[in-house]
């Protein structure tokens, strides 16, 4: 392909050598980036596994307590007890940069954060202790659920960036760099052939001049 698309000139040879140096440097940087992204991705996967286990355990505890309270309390009383929450949650999202990938950071706070009883939007006289246990378990697992959502979104973004970086590395390693190397070899060969042809012509011209001047055999 190089013989059809590349002009065998010294200027083109210099340009290709410069591009090859740049591509080789870029290939190394992209490989380093890919490896670092993979390392961080694996760490996040471990963290995700730990958080998921904690969230599953916390939700199981809350669901069991809620099932017991549903069996003890009437549906109407249970619905009225949970109808009007006391706490108001403020949520915001910022971003942090991980290897040129902007990943989300979720934060929340409640107006009555220092009041632990504020998670109960009802009086304690007509409700069961199991409902208190269910809401307490949900409040405890809420932060882990938010962290889990943040980590899973981060995993998705990092996985997409790893795939993009992998494609770029492969394109450089298996397509662009070999093509440039082949083009450089082709131009070098052509220039050497031209140099040899020029030397042969010069030698013939020299012999003709010498012969015309009477120095020939």
N, C-alpha and C. Protein backbone atom coordinates (compact mmCIF):
# COMPACT_ATOMS: atom_id res chain seq x y z
N UNK A 1 0.83 -1.21 0.00
CA UNK A 1 0.00 0.00 0.00
C UNK A 1 0.86 1.26 0.00
N UNK A 2 2.04 1.15 0.63
CA UNK A 2 2.92 2.31 0.68
C UNK A 2 3.36 2.74 -0.70
N UNK A 3 3.57 1.75 -1.60
CA UNK A 3 4.07 2.10 -2.93
C UNK A 3 3.04 2.88 -3.73
N UNK A 4 1.77 2.81 -3.37
CA UNK A 4 0.72 3.49 -4.11
C UNK A 4 0.35 4.86 -3.53
N UNK A 5 0.60 5.05 -2.25
CA UNK A 5 0.09 6.25 -1.60
C UNK A 5 1.17 7.20 -1.12
N UNK A 6 2.42 6.79 -1.12
CA UNK A 6 3.49 7.61 -0.55
C UNK A 6 4.39 8.13 -1.65
N UNK A 7 4.68 9.41 -1.59
CA UNK A 7 5.61 10.02 -2.53
C UNK A 7 7.04 9.79 -2.03
N UNK A 8 7.90 9.12 -2.78
CA UNK A 8 9.25 8.78 -2.29
C UNK A 8 10.21 9.96 -2.36
N UNK A 9 10.01 10.95 -1.50
CA UNK A 9 10.89 12.11 -1.46
C UNK A 9 11.50 12.23 -0.07
N UNK A 10 12.61 12.95 0.01
CA UNK A 10 13.27 13.13 1.30
C UNK A 10 12.40 13.93 2.26
N UNK A 11 11.65 14.89 1.73
CA UNK A 11 10.74 15.66 2.59
C UNK A 11 9.67 14.76 3.21
N UNK A 12 9.12 13.86 2.40
CA UNK A 12 8.11 12.92 2.91
C UNK A 12 8.73 11.96 3.92
N UNK A 13 9.96 11.55 3.68
CA UNK A 13 10.65 10.66 4.62
C UNK A 13 10.84 11.35 5.96
N UNK A 14 11.26 12.61 5.94
CA UNK A 14 11.43 13.35 7.19
C UNK A 14 10.10 13.51 7.92
N UNK A 15 9.06 13.80 7.16
CA UNK A 15 7.75 13.97 7.78
C UNK A 15 7.26 12.68 8.42
N UNK A 16 7.45 11.56 7.74
CA UNK A 16 7.01 10.27 8.28
C UNK A 16 7.82 9.87 9.51
N UNK A 17 9.11 10.15 9.50
CA UNK A 17 9.93 9.82 10.68
C UNK A 17 9.48 10.63 11.89
N UNK A 18 9.13 11.92 11.67
CA UNK A 18 8.63 12.74 12.77
C UNK A 18 7.31 12.20 13.29
N UNK A 19 6.42 11.83 12.36
CA UNK A 19 5.13 11.26 12.75
C UNK A 19 5.31 9.95 13.50
N UNK A 20 6.28 9.14 13.08
CA UNK A 20 6.52 7.86 13.74
C UNK A 20 6.99 8.06 15.17
N UNK A 21 7.88 9.03 15.37
CA UNK A 21 8.34 9.32 16.74
C UNK A 21 7.16 9.76 17.61
N UNK A 22 6.32 10.65 17.07
CA UNK A 22 5.16 11.12 17.82
C UNK A 22 4.19 9.98 18.11
N UNK A 23 3.92 9.14 17.11
CA UNK A 23 2.99 8.02 17.29
C UNK A 23 3.53 7.02 18.31
N UNK A 24 4.83 6.76 18.27
CA UNK A 24 5.42 5.82 19.23
C UNK A 24 5.31 6.36 20.66
N UNK A 25 5.58 7.67 20.81
CA UNK A 25 5.44 8.28 22.13
C UNK A 25 3.97 8.24 22.59
N UNK A 26 3.06 8.58 21.67
CA UNK A 26 1.64 8.53 22.02
C UNK A 26 1.17 7.13 22.36
N UNK A 27 1.70 6.13 21.66
CA UNK A 27 1.34 4.75 21.95
C UNK A 27 1.75 4.35 23.36
N UNK A 28 2.94 4.75 23.77
CA UNK A 28 3.40 4.42 25.12
C UNK A 28 2.54 5.12 26.17
N UNK A 29 2.23 6.41 25.93
CA UNK A 29 1.40 7.14 26.89
C UNK A 29 0.01 6.52 27.00
N UNK A 30 -0.56 6.13 25.87
CA UNK A 30 -1.89 5.51 25.91
C UNK A 30 -1.86 4.15 26.60
N UNK A 31 -0.79 3.39 26.40
CA UNK A 31 -0.68 2.11 27.10
C UNK A 31 -0.57 2.32 28.60
N UNK A 32 0.21 3.32 29.00
CA UNK A 32 0.32 3.63 30.43
C UNK A 32 -1.03 4.06 30.99
N UNK A 33 -1.76 4.88 30.22
CA UNK A 33 -3.08 5.31 30.66
C UNK A 33 -4.02 4.12 30.78
N UNK A 34 -4.00 3.24 29.79
CA UNK A 34 -4.87 2.05 29.83
C UNK A 34 -4.56 1.18 31.04
N UNK A 35 -3.28 0.98 31.33
CA UNK A 35 -2.90 0.15 32.46
C UNK A 35 -3.34 0.78 33.78
N UNK A 36 -3.19 2.10 33.90
CA UNK A 36 -3.60 2.78 35.13
C UNK A 36 -5.12 2.76 35.28
N UNK A 37 -5.83 2.94 34.18
CA UNK A 37 -7.30 2.84 34.23
C UNK A 37 -7.73 1.45 34.67
N UNK A 38 -7.07 0.42 34.17
CA UNK A 38 -7.39 -0.95 34.56
C UNK A 38 -7.13 -1.17 36.04
N UNK A 39 -6.02 -0.63 36.53
CA UNK A 39 -5.71 -0.80 37.95
C UNK A 39 -6.78 -0.15 38.83
N UNK A 40 -7.16 1.08 38.48
CA UNK A 40 -8.17 1.75 39.26
C UNK A 40 -9.53 1.07 39.11
N UNK A 41 -9.81 0.56 37.92
CA UNK A 41 -11.08 -0.14 37.69
C UNK A 41 -11.18 -1.38 38.58
N UNK A 42 -10.09 -2.13 38.70
CA UNK A 42 -10.10 -3.34 39.53
C UNK A 42 -10.30 -2.98 41.00
N UNK A 43 -9.67 -1.89 41.45
CA UNK A 43 -9.88 -1.45 42.83
C UNK A 43 -11.34 -1.08 43.07
N UNK A 44 -11.94 -0.39 42.10
CA UNK A 44 -13.34 0.01 42.25
C UNK A 44 -14.26 -1.20 42.22
N UNK A 45 -13.92 -2.21 41.44
CA UNK A 45 -14.72 -3.44 41.41
C UNK A 45 -14.71 -4.11 42.78
N UNK A 46 -13.54 -4.14 43.43
CA UNK A 46 -13.48 -4.71 44.79
C UNK A 46 -14.33 -3.91 45.76
N UNK A 47 -14.23 -2.60 45.67
CA UNK A 47 -15.04 -1.73 46.53
C UNK A 47 -16.53 -1.92 46.24
N UNK A 48 -16.87 -2.09 44.99
CA UNK A 48 -18.27 -2.30 44.61
C UNK A 48 -18.81 -3.61 45.22
N UNK A 49 -17.99 -4.65 45.21
CA UNK A 49 -18.42 -5.93 45.76
C UNK A 49 -18.69 -5.79 47.26
N UNK A 50 -17.79 -5.11 47.97
CA UNK A 50 -17.98 -4.92 49.41
C UNK A 50 -19.26 -4.12 49.70
N UNK A 51 -19.44 -3.03 48.96
CA UNK A 51 -20.62 -2.20 49.19
C UNK A 51 -21.91 -2.94 48.87
N UNK A 52 -21.89 -3.71 47.79
CA UNK A 52 -23.11 -4.43 47.40
C UNK A 52 -23.49 -5.44 48.48
N UNK A 53 -22.52 -6.10 49.05
CA UNK A 53 -22.82 -7.05 50.14
C UNK A 53 -23.42 -6.32 51.33
N UNK A 54 -22.87 -5.16 51.69
CA UNK A 54 -23.41 -4.40 52.81
C UNK A 54 -24.81 -3.89 52.53
N UNK A 55 -25.02 -3.40 51.30
CA UNK A 55 -26.36 -2.91 50.93
C UNK A 55 -27.37 -4.05 50.95
N UNK A 56 -27.01 -5.18 50.38
CA UNK A 56 -27.93 -6.33 50.37
C UNK A 56 -28.27 -6.77 51.79
N UNK A 57 -27.27 -6.79 52.65
CA UNK A 57 -27.51 -7.19 54.04
C UNK A 57 -28.41 -6.18 54.74
N UNK A 58 -28.11 -4.88 54.55
CA UNK A 58 -28.93 -3.85 55.19
C UNK A 58 -30.36 -3.85 54.71
N UNK A 59 -30.56 -4.03 53.40
CA UNK A 59 -31.91 -4.07 52.86
C UNK A 59 -32.66 -5.32 53.32
N UNK A 60 -31.95 -6.43 53.47
CA UNK A 60 -32.59 -7.65 53.97
C UNK A 60 -33.09 -7.44 55.39
N UNK A 61 -32.26 -6.81 56.22
CA UNK A 61 -32.68 -6.52 57.60
C UNK A 61 -33.90 -5.60 57.61
N UNK A 62 -33.87 -4.56 56.78
CA UNK A 62 -34.99 -3.62 56.73
C UNK A 62 -36.26 -4.30 56.21
N UNK A 63 -36.12 -5.14 55.19
CA UNK A 63 -37.30 -5.81 54.63
C UNK A 63 -37.91 -6.79 55.63
N UNK A 64 -37.06 -7.50 56.38
CA UNK A 64 -37.60 -8.43 57.38
C UNK A 64 -38.36 -7.68 58.47
N UNK A 65 -37.77 -6.57 58.93
CA UNK A 65 -38.44 -5.79 59.96
C UNK A 65 -39.74 -5.18 59.44
N UNK A 66 -39.72 -4.72 58.18
CA UNK A 66 -40.92 -4.14 57.59
C UNK A 66 -42.00 -5.20 57.40
N UNK A 67 -41.60 -6.42 57.04
CA UNK A 67 -42.58 -7.50 56.88
C UNK A 67 -43.24 -7.84 58.21
N UNK A 68 -42.45 -7.85 59.27
CA UNK A 68 -43.02 -8.12 60.59
C UNK A 68 -43.96 -7.01 61.01
N UNK A 69 -43.56 -5.74 60.79
CA UNK A 69 -44.42 -4.63 61.17
C UNK A 69 -45.70 -4.62 60.34
N UNK A 70 -45.61 -5.04 59.07
CA UNK A 70 -46.81 -5.11 58.23
C UNK A 70 -47.78 -6.18 58.74
N UNK A 71 -47.22 -7.24 59.34
CA UNK A 71 -48.09 -8.29 59.88
C UNK A 71 -48.74 -7.85 61.19
N UNK A 72 -48.06 -6.99 61.94
CA UNK A 72 -48.58 -6.56 63.24
C UNK A 72 -49.55 -5.39 63.08
N UNK A 73 -49.19 -4.41 62.24
CA UNK A 73 -49.98 -3.19 62.10
C UNK A 73 -50.96 -3.33 60.93
N UNK A 74 -52.06 -2.63 61.02
CA UNK A 74 -53.02 -2.63 59.92
C UNK A 74 -52.46 -1.83 58.75
N UNK A 75 -52.85 -2.15 57.51
CA UNK A 75 -52.33 -1.41 56.35
C UNK A 75 -52.61 0.09 56.41
N UNK A 76 -53.77 0.46 56.90
CA UNK A 76 -54.11 1.89 56.97
C UNK A 76 -53.20 2.63 57.95
N UNK A 77 -52.98 2.04 59.11
CA UNK A 77 -52.11 2.68 60.11
C UNK A 77 -50.68 2.76 59.58
N UNK A 78 -50.22 1.69 58.94
CA UNK A 78 -48.87 1.68 58.39
C UNK A 78 -48.71 2.76 57.32
N UNK A 79 -49.71 2.88 56.45
CA UNK A 79 -49.64 3.91 55.41
C UNK A 79 -49.65 5.30 55.99
N UNK A 80 -50.52 5.55 56.95
CA UNK A 80 -50.59 6.87 57.57
C UNK A 80 -49.31 7.21 58.32
N UNK A 81 -48.68 6.19 58.92
CA UNK A 81 -47.45 6.44 59.68
C UNK A 81 -46.31 6.91 58.79
N UNK A 82 -46.29 6.43 57.55
CA UNK A 82 -45.17 6.75 56.65
C UNK A 82 -45.52 7.80 55.61
N UNK A 83 -46.71 8.40 55.72
CA UNK A 83 -47.20 9.29 54.67
C UNK A 83 -46.45 10.62 54.63
N UNK A 84 -46.10 11.17 55.77
CA UNK A 84 -45.50 12.51 55.82
C UNK A 84 -44.14 12.44 56.51
N UNK A 85 -43.05 12.34 55.74
CA UNK A 85 -41.72 12.28 56.36
C UNK A 85 -41.34 13.59 57.02
N UNK A 86 -40.56 13.49 58.09
CA UNK A 86 -40.11 14.70 58.81
C UNK A 86 -38.82 15.26 58.22
N UNK A 87 -37.98 14.39 57.74
CA UNK A 87 -36.69 14.85 57.23
C UNK A 87 -36.81 15.34 55.79
N UNK A 88 -36.00 16.35 55.48
CA UNK A 88 -35.86 16.82 54.12
C UNK A 88 -34.40 16.63 53.70
N UNK A 89 -34.21 15.93 52.60
CA UNK A 89 -32.87 15.59 52.14
C UNK A 89 -32.46 16.51 51.00
N UNK A 90 -31.25 17.06 51.10
CA UNK A 90 -30.68 17.87 50.03
C UNK A 90 -29.57 17.06 49.35
N UNK A 91 -29.68 16.97 48.05
CA UNK A 91 -28.74 16.16 47.27
C UNK A 91 -28.02 17.04 46.26
N UNK A 92 -26.73 16.83 46.12
CA UNK A 92 -25.99 17.54 45.07
C UNK A 92 -24.94 16.60 44.48
N UNK A 93 -24.53 16.92 43.28
CA UNK A 93 -23.56 16.09 42.56
C UNK A 93 -22.43 16.97 42.03
N UNK A 94 -21.22 16.57 42.31
CA UNK A 94 -20.03 17.22 41.76
C UNK A 94 -19.26 16.17 40.95
N UNK A 95 -18.11 16.57 40.44
CA UNK A 95 -17.32 15.65 39.63
C UNK A 95 -15.86 15.70 40.07
N UNK A 96 -15.18 14.60 39.89
CA UNK A 96 -13.72 14.55 40.07
C UNK A 96 -13.11 13.87 38.87
N UNK A 97 -11.87 14.23 38.59
CA UNK A 97 -11.20 13.75 37.39
C UNK A 97 -10.36 12.52 37.72
N UNK A 98 -10.62 11.44 37.02
CA UNK A 98 -9.84 10.21 37.16
C UNK A 98 -9.28 9.87 35.78
N UNK A 99 -8.00 10.17 35.55
CA UNK A 99 -7.35 9.86 34.28
C UNK A 99 -8.14 10.42 33.11
N UNK A 100 -8.49 11.70 33.19
CA UNK A 100 -9.22 12.45 32.16
C UNK A 100 -10.68 12.03 32.05
N UNK A 101 -11.19 11.27 33.01
CA UNK A 101 -12.60 10.88 33.03
C UNK A 101 -13.27 11.60 34.20
N UNK A 102 -14.32 12.36 33.92
CA UNK A 102 -15.07 13.05 34.97
C UNK A 102 -16.10 12.10 35.56
N UNK A 103 -15.83 11.66 36.78
CA UNK A 103 -16.74 10.71 37.44
C UNK A 103 -17.54 11.47 38.50
N UNK A 104 -18.77 11.04 38.76
CA UNK A 104 -19.63 11.78 39.69
C UNK A 104 -19.27 11.53 41.15
N UNK A 105 -19.55 12.54 41.96
CA UNK A 105 -19.43 12.43 43.42
C UNK A 105 -20.77 12.88 43.99
N UNK A 106 -21.49 11.96 44.65
CA UNK A 106 -22.81 12.25 45.19
C UNK A 106 -22.69 12.64 46.66
N UNK A 107 -23.42 13.67 47.02
CA UNK A 107 -23.44 14.12 48.42
C UNK A 107 -24.88 14.42 48.82
N UNK A 108 -25.18 14.18 50.09
CA UNK A 108 -26.51 14.53 50.59
C UNK A 108 -26.40 14.92 52.07
N UNK A 109 -27.35 15.69 52.51
CA UNK A 109 -27.47 16.02 53.93
C UNK A 109 -28.94 16.25 54.24
N UNK A 110 -29.26 16.12 55.52
CA UNK A 110 -30.64 16.31 55.96
C UNK A 110 -30.72 17.52 56.87
N UNK A 111 -31.90 18.12 56.92
CA UNK A 111 -32.08 19.31 57.76
C UNK A 111 -31.96 18.97 59.24
N UNK A 112 -32.40 17.78 59.61
CA UNK A 112 -32.38 17.37 61.02
C UNK A 112 -31.34 16.27 61.22
N UNK A 113 -30.17 16.49 60.68
CA UNK A 113 -29.16 15.45 60.68
C UNK A 113 -28.71 15.06 62.08
N UNK A 114 -28.68 16.02 63.01
CA UNK A 114 -28.23 15.72 64.36
C UNK A 114 -29.30 15.07 65.21
N UNK A 115 -30.54 15.10 64.77
CA UNK A 115 -31.65 14.51 65.53
C UNK A 115 -31.91 13.12 65.00
N UNK A 116 -31.44 12.10 65.74
CA UNK A 116 -31.59 10.72 65.26
C UNK A 116 -33.04 10.26 65.21
N UNK A 117 -33.89 10.86 66.02
CA UNK A 117 -35.30 10.46 66.02
C UNK A 117 -36.07 11.05 64.85
N UNK A 118 -35.43 11.93 64.07
CA UNK A 118 -36.15 12.60 62.99
C UNK A 118 -36.46 11.66 61.83
N UNK A 119 -35.86 10.46 61.83
CA UNK A 119 -36.18 9.51 60.77
C UNK A 119 -37.55 8.88 60.97
N UNK A 120 -38.14 9.06 62.16
CA UNK A 120 -39.46 8.48 62.43
C UNK A 120 -40.53 9.56 62.22
N UNK A 121 -41.30 9.46 61.14
CA UNK A 121 -42.30 10.50 60.85
C UNK A 121 -43.64 10.24 61.54
N UNK A 122 -43.60 9.63 62.69
CA UNK A 122 -44.84 9.27 63.38
C UNK A 122 -44.61 9.26 64.89
N UNK A 123 -45.71 9.23 65.64
CA UNK A 123 -45.61 9.04 67.07
C UNK A 123 -45.37 7.57 67.39
N UNK A 124 -44.79 7.32 68.53
CA UNK A 124 -44.41 5.96 68.87
C UNK A 124 -45.51 5.18 69.56
N UNK A 125 -46.63 5.80 69.81
CA UNK A 125 -47.68 5.14 70.59
C UNK A 125 -48.40 4.07 69.79
N UNK A 126 -48.70 4.34 68.53
CA UNK A 126 -49.53 3.42 67.74
C UNK A 126 -48.75 2.59 66.73
N UNK A 127 -47.44 2.64 66.79
CA UNK A 127 -46.63 1.88 65.82
C UNK A 127 -45.82 0.82 66.56
N UNK A 128 -45.36 -0.15 65.80
CA UNK A 128 -44.58 -1.24 66.38
C UNK A 128 -43.09 -0.92 66.38
N UNK A 129 -42.39 -1.62 67.27
CA UNK A 129 -40.94 -1.44 67.32
C UNK A 129 -40.26 -1.95 66.07
N UNK A 130 -40.87 -2.93 65.40
CA UNK A 130 -40.29 -3.46 64.16
C UNK A 130 -40.26 -2.40 63.06
N UNK A 131 -41.27 -1.49 63.03
CA UNK A 131 -41.25 -0.41 62.05
C UNK A 131 -40.09 0.54 62.34
N UNK A 132 -39.84 0.79 63.64
CA UNK A 132 -38.67 1.60 64.01
C UNK A 132 -37.39 0.93 63.52
N UNK A 133 -37.33 -0.39 63.70
CA UNK A 133 -36.12 -1.13 63.27
C UNK A 133 -35.95 -1.04 61.75
N UNK A 134 -37.07 -1.12 61.00
CA UNK A 134 -37.00 -1.06 59.55
C UNK A 134 -36.48 0.29 59.08
N UNK A 135 -37.01 1.38 59.65
CA UNK A 135 -36.56 2.71 59.24
C UNK A 135 -35.13 2.98 59.68
N UNK A 136 -34.76 2.46 60.85
CA UNK A 136 -33.37 2.62 61.30
C UNK A 136 -32.41 1.91 60.35
N UNK A 137 -32.78 0.70 59.93
CA UNK A 137 -31.94 -0.05 58.99
C UNK A 137 -31.84 0.65 57.65
N UNK A 138 -32.97 1.20 57.16
CA UNK A 138 -32.95 1.92 55.89
C UNK A 138 -32.08 3.17 55.97
N UNK A 139 -32.19 3.90 57.10
CA UNK A 139 -31.37 5.10 57.26
C UNK A 139 -29.89 4.74 57.29
N UNK A 140 -29.56 3.60 57.92
CA UNK A 140 -28.16 3.20 58.01
C UNK A 140 -27.60 2.79 56.65
N UNK A 141 -28.46 2.18 55.80
CA UNK A 141 -27.96 1.68 54.52
C UNK A 141 -28.04 2.72 53.42
N UNK A 142 -28.67 3.85 53.69
CA UNK A 142 -28.88 4.84 52.63
C UNK A 142 -27.56 5.38 52.09
N UNK A 143 -26.62 5.69 52.97
CA UNK A 143 -25.32 6.20 52.53
C UNK A 143 -24.60 5.17 51.67
N UNK A 144 -24.67 3.89 52.08
CA UNK A 144 -24.03 2.85 51.28
C UNK A 144 -24.70 2.72 49.91
N UNK A 145 -26.02 2.89 49.86
CA UNK A 145 -26.72 2.82 48.57
C UNK A 145 -26.27 3.95 47.65
N UNK A 146 -26.10 5.14 48.23
CA UNK A 146 -25.64 6.27 47.43
C UNK A 146 -24.21 6.05 46.94
N UNK A 147 -23.35 5.54 47.83
CA UNK A 147 -21.98 5.24 47.43
C UNK A 147 -21.95 4.16 46.35
N UNK A 148 -22.84 3.18 46.47
CA UNK A 148 -22.89 2.12 45.48
C UNK A 148 -23.30 2.66 44.11
N UNK A 149 -24.30 3.55 44.11
CA UNK A 149 -24.71 4.16 42.84
C UNK A 149 -23.57 4.97 42.23
N UNK A 150 -22.83 5.69 43.07
CA UNK A 150 -21.69 6.48 42.59
C UNK A 150 -20.60 5.58 42.02
N UNK A 151 -20.31 4.49 42.69
CA UNK A 151 -19.25 3.59 42.24
C UNK A 151 -19.65 2.88 40.95
N UNK A 152 -20.91 2.47 40.85
CA UNK A 152 -21.33 1.77 39.64
C UNK A 152 -21.32 2.71 38.42
N UNK A 153 -21.68 3.97 38.62
CA UNK A 153 -21.58 4.94 37.53
C UNK A 153 -20.12 5.17 37.16
N UNK A 154 -19.24 5.23 38.17
CA UNK A 154 -17.81 5.39 37.91
C UNK A 154 -17.27 4.20 37.14
N UNK A 155 -17.69 3.00 37.52
CA UNK A 155 -17.26 1.80 36.79
C UNK A 155 -17.68 1.86 35.33
N UNK A 156 -18.91 2.30 35.08
CA UNK A 156 -19.40 2.38 33.70
C UNK A 156 -18.56 3.37 32.88
N UNK A 157 -18.29 4.55 33.47
CA UNK A 157 -17.51 5.56 32.74
C UNK A 157 -16.08 5.10 32.50
N UNK A 158 -15.47 4.47 33.52
CA UNK A 158 -14.10 3.98 33.35
C UNK A 158 -14.04 2.85 32.33
N UNK A 159 -15.04 1.98 32.33
CA UNK A 159 -15.06 0.89 31.36
C UNK A 159 -15.15 1.44 29.93
N UNK A 160 -15.97 2.46 29.73
CA UNK A 160 -16.07 3.09 28.40
C UNK A 160 -14.74 3.71 27.99
N UNK A 161 -14.07 4.38 28.93
CA UNK A 161 -12.79 5.02 28.62
C UNK A 161 -11.71 3.97 28.36
N UNK A 162 -11.74 2.87 29.11
CA UNK A 162 -10.77 1.78 28.88
C UNK A 162 -10.94 1.22 27.47
N UNK A 163 -12.19 1.04 27.05
CA UNK A 163 -12.45 0.49 25.72
C UNK A 163 -11.98 1.47 24.64
N UNK A 164 -12.26 2.77 24.84
CA UNK A 164 -11.79 3.76 23.85
C UNK A 164 -10.27 3.78 23.79
N UNK A 165 -9.62 3.75 24.95
CA UNK A 165 -8.15 3.78 24.98
C UNK A 165 -7.57 2.52 24.37
N UNK A 166 -8.20 1.37 24.63
CA UNK A 166 -7.73 0.12 24.05
C UNK A 166 -7.79 0.15 22.52
N UNK A 167 -8.89 0.70 21.99
CA UNK A 167 -9.01 0.80 20.52
C UNK A 167 -7.92 1.71 19.95
N UNK A 168 -7.63 2.82 20.63
CA UNK A 168 -6.59 3.72 20.14
C UNK A 168 -5.22 3.05 20.18
N UNK A 169 -4.95 2.33 21.27
CA UNK A 169 -3.67 1.62 21.38
C UNK A 169 -3.53 0.60 20.26
N UNK A 170 -4.60 -0.16 20.02
CA UNK A 170 -4.54 -1.17 18.96
C UNK A 170 -4.39 -0.54 17.58
N UNK A 171 -5.09 0.59 17.35
CA UNK A 171 -4.98 1.26 16.06
C UNK A 171 -3.54 1.73 15.81
N UNK A 172 -2.92 2.27 16.85
CA UNK A 172 -1.52 2.71 16.70
C UNK A 172 -0.59 1.52 16.54
N UNK A 173 -0.79 0.50 17.37
CA UNK A 173 0.15 -0.62 17.41
C UNK A 173 0.07 -1.51 16.18
N UNK A 174 -1.14 -1.72 15.67
CA UNK A 174 -1.31 -2.70 14.60
C UNK A 174 -1.62 -2.08 13.23
N UNK A 175 -1.89 -0.79 13.18
CA UNK A 175 -2.24 -0.17 11.90
C UNK A 175 -1.31 1.00 11.57
N UNK A 176 -1.40 2.06 12.37
CA UNK A 176 -0.70 3.30 12.00
C UNK A 176 0.81 3.15 12.04
N UNK A 177 1.35 2.64 13.15
CA UNK A 177 2.81 2.53 13.27
C UNK A 177 3.37 1.56 12.22
N UNK A 178 2.79 0.36 12.03
CA UNK A 178 3.32 -0.52 10.96
C UNK A 178 3.23 0.12 9.57
N UNK A 179 2.15 0.84 9.29
CA UNK A 179 2.04 1.49 7.98
C UNK A 179 3.13 2.54 7.80
N UNK A 180 3.38 3.33 8.84
CA UNK A 180 4.43 4.35 8.73
C UNK A 180 5.80 3.70 8.59
N UNK A 181 6.04 2.62 9.33
CA UNK A 181 7.33 1.92 9.21
C UNK A 181 7.51 1.35 7.80
N UNK A 182 6.45 0.79 7.25
CA UNK A 182 6.51 0.26 5.89
C UNK A 182 6.75 1.37 4.88
N UNK A 183 6.08 2.51 5.08
CA UNK A 183 6.28 3.64 4.16
C UNK A 183 7.71 4.17 4.25
N UNK A 184 8.26 4.23 5.45
CA UNK A 184 9.64 4.69 5.62
C UNK A 184 10.61 3.73 4.92
N UNK A 185 10.37 2.42 5.07
CA UNK A 185 11.24 1.44 4.38
C UNK A 185 11.14 1.60 2.86
N UNK A 186 9.91 1.81 2.39
CA UNK A 186 9.71 1.96 0.95
C UNK A 186 10.42 3.20 0.41
N UNK A 187 10.25 4.33 1.10
CA UNK A 187 10.88 5.58 0.65
C UNK A 187 12.40 5.46 0.72
N UNK A 188 12.90 4.86 1.81
CA UNK A 188 14.35 4.68 1.95
C UNK A 188 14.91 3.84 0.82
N UNK A 189 14.20 2.75 0.50
CA UNK A 189 14.64 1.89 -0.60
C UNK A 189 14.64 2.64 -1.92
N UNK A 190 13.56 3.42 -2.18
CA UNK A 190 13.47 4.17 -3.42
C UNK A 190 14.56 5.22 -3.52
N UNK A 191 14.84 5.91 -2.43
CA UNK A 191 15.88 6.94 -2.45
C UNK A 191 17.24 6.32 -2.68
N UNK A 192 17.48 5.15 -2.07
CA UNK A 192 18.76 4.46 -2.30
C UNK A 192 18.88 4.03 -3.76
N UNK A 193 17.76 3.54 -4.33
CA UNK A 193 17.79 3.17 -5.74
C UNK A 193 18.07 4.38 -6.62
N UNK A 194 17.44 5.51 -6.28
CA UNK A 194 17.67 6.74 -7.05
C UNK A 194 19.12 7.19 -6.93
N UNK A 195 19.68 7.09 -5.72
CA UNK A 195 21.08 7.47 -5.53
C UNK A 195 22.00 6.59 -6.37
N UNK A 196 21.74 5.28 -6.38
CA UNK A 196 22.57 4.38 -7.18
C UNK A 196 22.44 4.69 -8.67
N UNK A 197 21.18 4.96 -9.11
CA UNK A 197 20.98 5.30 -10.52
C UNK A 197 21.69 6.59 -10.88
N UNK A 198 21.65 7.56 -9.98
CA UNK A 198 22.32 8.84 -10.24
C UNK A 198 23.83 8.65 -10.35
N UNK A 199 24.38 7.81 -9.47
CA UNK A 199 25.83 7.56 -9.52
C UNK A 199 26.22 6.88 -10.82
N UNK A 200 25.37 5.91 -11.25
CA UNK A 200 25.68 5.22 -12.51
C UNK A 200 25.64 6.20 -13.68
N UNK A 201 24.64 7.09 -13.70
CA UNK A 201 24.55 8.07 -14.79
C UNK A 201 25.73 9.02 -14.78
N UNK A 202 26.12 9.45 -13.59
CA UNK A 202 27.27 10.36 -13.50
C UNK A 202 28.55 9.69 -13.99
N UNK A 203 28.70 8.42 -13.63
CA UNK A 203 29.90 7.70 -14.08
C UNK A 203 29.90 7.57 -15.60
N UNK A 204 28.72 7.30 -16.19
CA UNK A 204 28.64 7.21 -17.65
C UNK A 204 28.94 8.54 -18.30
N UNK A 205 28.37 9.63 -17.74
CA UNK A 205 28.63 10.96 -18.27
C UNK A 205 30.12 11.28 -18.19
N UNK A 206 30.72 10.91 -17.05
CA UNK A 206 32.16 11.17 -16.89
C UNK A 206 32.96 10.43 -17.94
N UNK A 207 32.61 9.15 -18.19
CA UNK A 207 33.33 8.37 -19.20
C UNK A 207 33.16 8.99 -20.59
N UNK A 208 31.92 9.47 -20.87
CA UNK A 208 31.68 10.08 -22.18
C UNK A 208 32.49 11.36 -22.34
N UNK A 209 32.57 12.17 -21.28
CA UNK A 209 33.34 13.40 -21.34
C UNK A 209 34.82 13.12 -21.55
N UNK A 210 35.31 12.13 -20.79
CA UNK A 210 36.73 11.78 -20.91
C UNK A 210 37.03 11.24 -22.32
N UNK A 211 36.11 10.44 -22.84
CA UNK A 211 36.32 9.88 -24.16
C UNK A 211 36.31 10.97 -25.24
N UNK A 212 35.39 11.95 -25.06
CA UNK A 212 35.32 13.05 -26.01
C UNK A 212 36.56 13.91 -25.96
N UNK A 213 37.17 13.96 -24.79
CA UNK A 213 38.38 14.79 -24.65
C UNK A 213 39.63 14.04 -25.08
N UNK A 214 39.49 12.80 -25.47
CA UNK A 214 40.63 12.04 -25.95
C UNK A 214 41.34 11.26 -24.89
N UNK A 215 40.70 11.15 -23.74
CA UNK A 215 41.35 10.38 -22.66
C UNK A 215 40.80 8.95 -22.59
N UNK A 216 39.85 8.68 -23.46
CA UNK A 216 39.28 7.34 -23.39
C UNK A 216 40.19 6.33 -24.02
N UNK A 217 39.88 5.06 -23.79
CA UNK A 217 40.70 3.99 -24.35
C UNK A 217 40.42 3.81 -25.83
